[in-house]
């Protein structure tokens, strides 16, 4: 009997994520110059991962 695809190890799935974590979004916005240290953490701009 084969294993269901949702039960595979995360490393074998390896799909590209299209959603960033909050810390990844803040780093990306800082790099683009759209955010400064001390700005609010809530209400972040929408971002797309770099290709």
N, C-alpha and C. Protein backbone atom coordinates (compact mmCIF):
# COMPACT_ATOMS: atom_id res chain seq x y z
N UNK A 1 0.84 -1.18 0.00
CA UNK A 1 0.00 0.00 0.00
C UNK A 1 0.89 1.24 0.00
N UNK A 2 0.60 2.21 -0.82
CA UNK A 2 1.43 3.41 -0.91
C UNK A 2 1.05 4.44 0.16
N UNK A 3 1.97 5.33 0.40
CA UNK A 3 1.76 6.37 1.40
C UNK A 3 1.07 7.58 0.77
N UNK A 4 0.13 8.14 1.50
CA UNK A 4 -0.58 9.32 1.00
C UNK A 4 0.40 10.47 0.85
N UNK A 5 0.24 11.28 -0.21
CA UNK A 5 1.21 12.33 -0.51
C UNK A 5 1.29 13.41 0.55
N UNK A 6 0.26 13.61 1.36
CA UNK A 6 0.31 14.62 2.41
C UNK A 6 1.17 14.17 3.60
N UNK A 7 1.52 12.89 3.65
CA UNK A 7 2.31 12.37 4.76
C UNK A 7 3.80 12.29 4.45
N UNK A 8 4.20 12.67 3.26
CA UNK A 8 5.61 12.63 2.89
C UNK A 8 6.40 13.65 3.70
N UNK A 9 7.68 13.44 3.78
CA UNK A 9 8.55 14.37 4.49
C UNK A 9 8.56 15.72 3.77
N UNK A 10 8.72 16.79 4.51
CA UNK A 10 8.68 18.14 3.95
C UNK A 10 9.78 18.34 2.91
N UNK A 11 10.92 17.69 3.10
CA UNK A 11 12.03 17.88 2.17
C UNK A 11 11.73 17.29 0.80
N UNK A 12 10.91 16.27 0.74
CA UNK A 12 10.60 15.67 -0.55
C UNK A 12 9.54 16.45 -1.30
N UNK A 13 8.72 17.22 -0.58
CA UNK A 13 7.68 18.01 -1.24
C UNK A 13 8.33 19.17 -2.00
N UNK A 14 9.15 19.95 -1.30
CA UNK A 14 10.00 20.97 -1.90
C UNK A 14 9.33 21.97 -2.83
N UNK A 15 8.07 22.26 -2.66
CA UNK A 15 7.44 23.26 -3.51
C UNK A 15 7.88 24.66 -3.13
N UNK A 16 7.70 25.59 -4.05
CA UNK A 16 8.07 26.97 -3.79
C UNK A 16 6.98 27.64 -2.97
N UNK A 17 7.38 28.30 -1.88
CA UNK A 17 6.40 28.98 -1.04
C UNK A 17 6.02 30.30 -1.68
N UNK A 18 4.76 30.66 -1.63
CA UNK A 18 4.33 31.95 -2.15
C UNK A 18 3.90 32.90 -1.03
N UNK A 19 4.08 32.48 0.21
CA UNK A 19 3.76 33.31 1.37
C UNK A 19 5.00 33.42 2.23
N UNK A 20 5.33 34.65 2.64
CA UNK A 20 6.51 34.88 3.48
C UNK A 20 6.11 34.99 4.94
N UNK A 21 7.01 34.59 5.81
CA UNK A 21 6.83 34.80 7.24
C UNK A 21 7.02 36.28 7.53
N UNK A 22 6.57 36.73 8.69
CA UNK A 22 6.64 38.15 9.03
C UNK A 22 8.07 38.65 9.03
N UNK A 23 9.00 37.90 9.62
CA UNK A 23 10.39 38.36 9.67
C UNK A 23 11.01 38.42 8.27
N UNK A 24 10.58 37.52 7.37
CA UNK A 24 11.07 37.57 6.00
C UNK A 24 10.53 38.80 5.27
N UNK A 25 9.27 39.14 5.54
CA UNK A 25 8.68 40.33 4.92
C UNK A 25 9.37 41.60 5.40
N UNK A 26 9.66 41.69 6.71
CA UNK A 26 10.31 42.90 7.22
C UNK A 26 11.72 43.04 6.65
N UNK A 27 12.46 41.94 6.54
CA UNK A 27 13.81 42.00 5.96
C UNK A 27 13.75 42.45 4.50
N UNK A 28 12.80 41.93 3.75
CA UNK A 28 12.66 42.28 2.35
C UNK A 28 12.28 43.75 2.18
N UNK A 29 11.37 44.24 3.01
CA UNK A 29 10.97 45.64 2.94
C UNK A 29 12.11 46.57 3.33
N UNK A 30 12.92 46.17 4.33
CA UNK A 30 14.08 46.98 4.71
C UNK A 30 15.08 47.05 3.56
N UNK A 31 15.28 45.92 2.90
CA UNK A 31 16.23 45.87 1.79
C UNK A 31 15.77 46.75 0.63
N UNK A 32 14.45 46.81 0.42
CA UNK A 32 13.89 47.64 -0.64
C UNK A 32 13.79 49.12 -0.24
N UNK A 33 14.01 49.42 1.04
CA UNK A 33 13.92 50.79 1.51
C UNK A 33 12.51 51.25 1.80
N UNK A 34 11.58 50.32 1.99
CA UNK A 34 10.19 50.67 2.25
C UNK A 34 9.84 50.56 3.73
N UNK A 35 10.82 50.26 4.57
CA UNK A 35 10.58 50.10 6.00
C UNK A 35 11.81 50.51 6.77
N UNK A 36 11.61 51.12 7.94
CA UNK A 36 12.71 51.53 8.80
C UNK A 36 12.59 50.83 10.14
N UNK A 37 13.70 50.76 10.87
CA UNK A 37 13.64 50.23 12.23
C UNK A 37 12.76 51.14 13.06
N UNK A 38 11.94 50.55 13.91
CA UNK A 38 11.05 51.33 14.75
C UNK A 38 9.65 51.48 14.20
N UNK A 39 9.44 51.11 12.93
CA UNK A 39 8.08 51.16 12.36
C UNK A 39 7.24 50.06 13.00
N UNK A 40 5.93 50.24 12.94
CA UNK A 40 5.02 49.23 13.50
C UNK A 40 5.16 47.90 12.77
N UNK A 41 4.98 46.82 13.49
CA UNK A 41 5.09 45.48 12.91
C UNK A 41 3.76 45.07 12.27
N UNK A 42 2.67 45.70 12.71
CA UNK A 42 1.37 45.37 12.12
C UNK A 42 1.12 46.25 10.91
N UNK A 43 0.29 45.78 10.03
CA UNK A 43 -0.05 46.54 8.84
C UNK A 43 1.07 46.59 7.81
N UNK A 44 1.81 45.50 7.67
CA UNK A 44 2.90 45.46 6.70
C UNK A 44 2.36 45.46 5.28
N UNK A 45 3.14 46.00 4.36
CA UNK A 45 2.76 45.98 2.95
C UNK A 45 2.77 44.56 2.42
N UNK A 46 2.01 44.33 1.38
CA UNK A 46 2.04 43.03 0.72
C UNK A 46 3.35 42.92 -0.05
N UNK A 47 3.95 41.76 -0.01
CA UNK A 47 5.21 41.55 -0.72
C UNK A 47 5.17 40.22 -1.45
N UNK A 48 5.94 40.13 -2.50
CA UNK A 48 6.13 38.86 -3.20
C UNK A 48 7.57 38.46 -3.00
N UNK A 49 7.82 37.16 -2.85
CA UNK A 49 9.21 36.71 -2.70
C UNK A 49 10.03 37.06 -3.92
N UNK A 50 11.31 37.31 -3.69
CA UNK A 50 12.20 37.59 -4.82
C UNK A 50 12.39 36.33 -5.64
N UNK A 51 12.43 36.49 -6.91
CA UNK A 51 12.55 35.33 -7.80
C UNK A 51 13.94 34.76 -7.83
